[in-house]
Amino acid sequence: MVKKPQKFQDEEVKSLKDIQSEMDQVIIRFGQIAINREALSSQENQLRTQLSELKGKENNLAQSLTEKYGKGNFDLENNEINPVD
């Protein structure tokens, strides 16, 4: 005996479509998170490069000031260098 296809009830169809719609939204949100993660990763890399460059500038300036004024502690509030032995 061959069985005929049966129709779902309207409530069942609605439930299936609602679940599919929610699944689609979750998938979209996962995609958005992945895109945001990539953007944040790119920003993080740029900031690491910038930080590295700033540390290099700081070291160069400190070396230059040490050569000019000798070893000491820089006091930026009073615009002075306090020599150390």
Protein backbone atom coordinates (compact mmCIF):
# COMPACT_ATOMS: atom_id res chain seq x y z
CA MET A 1 0.00 0.00 0.00
CA VAL A 2 1.41 3.37 -1.09
CA LYS A 3 1.09 6.13 1.44
CA LYS A 4 -0.02 9.55 0.29
CA PRO A 5 1.79 12.68 1.42
CA GLN A 6 0.17 14.33 4.36
CA LYS A 7 -0.17 18.02 4.99
CA PHE A 8 1.12 19.61 8.17
CA GLN A 9 -1.32 21.51 10.31
CA ASP A 10 -1.09 25.28 10.17
CA GLU A 11 0.27 25.47 13.73
CA GLU A 12 3.01 22.96 12.87
CA VAL A 13 3.99 24.90 9.76
CA LYS A 14 4.11 28.11 11.78
CA SER A 15 6.31 26.47 14.43
CA LEU A 16 8.69 25.12 11.80
CA LYS A 17 8.93 28.48 10.05
CA ASP A 18 9.46 30.31 13.36
CA ILE A 19 12.30 27.97 14.29
CA GLN A 20 13.88 28.36 10.85
CA SER A 21 13.61 32.14 11.11
CA GLU A 22 15.26 32.13 14.54
CA MET A 23 18.01 29.84 13.25
CA ASP A 24 18.64 32.24 10.36
CA GLN A 25 18.92 35.15 12.82
CA VAL A 26 21.41 33.24 14.98
CA ILE A 27 23.52 32.41 11.93
CA ILE A 28 23.47 36.06 10.87
CA ARG A 29 24.54 37.14 14.35
CA PHE A 30 27.40 34.62 14.30
CA GLY A 31 28.51 36.15 11.01
CA GLN A 32 28.36 39.65 12.45
CA ILE A 33 30.45 38.53 15.42
CA ALA A 34 33.04 37.01 13.10
CA ILE A 35 33.25 40.24 11.11
CA ASN A 36 33.54 42.30 14.30
CA ARG A 37 36.25 39.94 15.57
CA GLU A 38 38.26 40.49 12.39
CA ALA A 39 37.89 44.25 12.68
CA LEU A 40 38.98 44.16 16.33
CA SER A 41 41.93 41.96 15.46
CA SER A 42 43.01 44.44 12.80
CA GLN A 43 42.67 47.34 15.24
CA GLU A 44 44.63 45.40 17.85
CA ASN A 45 47.46 44.80 15.38
CA GLN A 46 47.54 48.48 14.45
CA LEU A 47 47.70 49.47 18.12
CA ARG A 48 50.51 46.99 18.79
CA THR A 49 52.49 48.49 15.92
CA GLN A 50 51.82 51.99 17.21
CA LEU A 51 52.83 51.00 20.75
CA SER A 52 56.05 49.45 19.46
CA GLU A 53 56.86 52.62 17.52
CA LEU A 54 56.15 54.78 20.58
CA LYS A 55 58.38 52.62 22.77
CA GLY A 56 61.15 53.02 20.20
CA LYS A 57 60.70 56.80 20.19
CA GLU A 58 60.69 56.83 24.00
CA ASN A 59 63.90 54.80 24.15
CA ASN A 60 65.60 57.02 21.58
CA LEU A 61 64.60 60.17 23.43
CA ALA A 62 65.66 58.75 26.79
CA GLN A 63 69.03 57.79 25.32
CA SER A 64 69.45 61.24 23.79
CA LEU A 65 68.56 62.98 27.06
CA THR A 66 70.86 60.68 29.02
CA GLU A 67 73.73 61.52 26.66
CA LYS A 68 73.02 65.22 27.04
CA TYR A 69 72.25 65.42 30.79
CA GLY A 70 73.68 62.21 32.20
CA LYS A 71 71.85 59.47 34.09
CA GLY A 72 68.93 60.61 36.18
CA ASN A 73 65.24 60.54 36.82
CA PHE A 74 63.13 62.73 34.62
CA ASP A 75 60.60 64.88 36.49
CA LEU A 76 58.14 66.16 33.90
CA GLU A 77 56.07 68.07 36.46
CA ASN A 78 59.00 70.30 37.40
CA ASN A 79 60.69 70.07 34.00
CA GLU A 80 63.91 68.80 35.62
CA ILE A 81 66.27 65.86 35.65
CA ASN A 82 67.45 64.62 39.02
CA PRO A 83 70.93 63.11 38.65
CA VAL A 84 71.68 59.65 40.04
CA ASP A 85 75.10 58.24 40.78
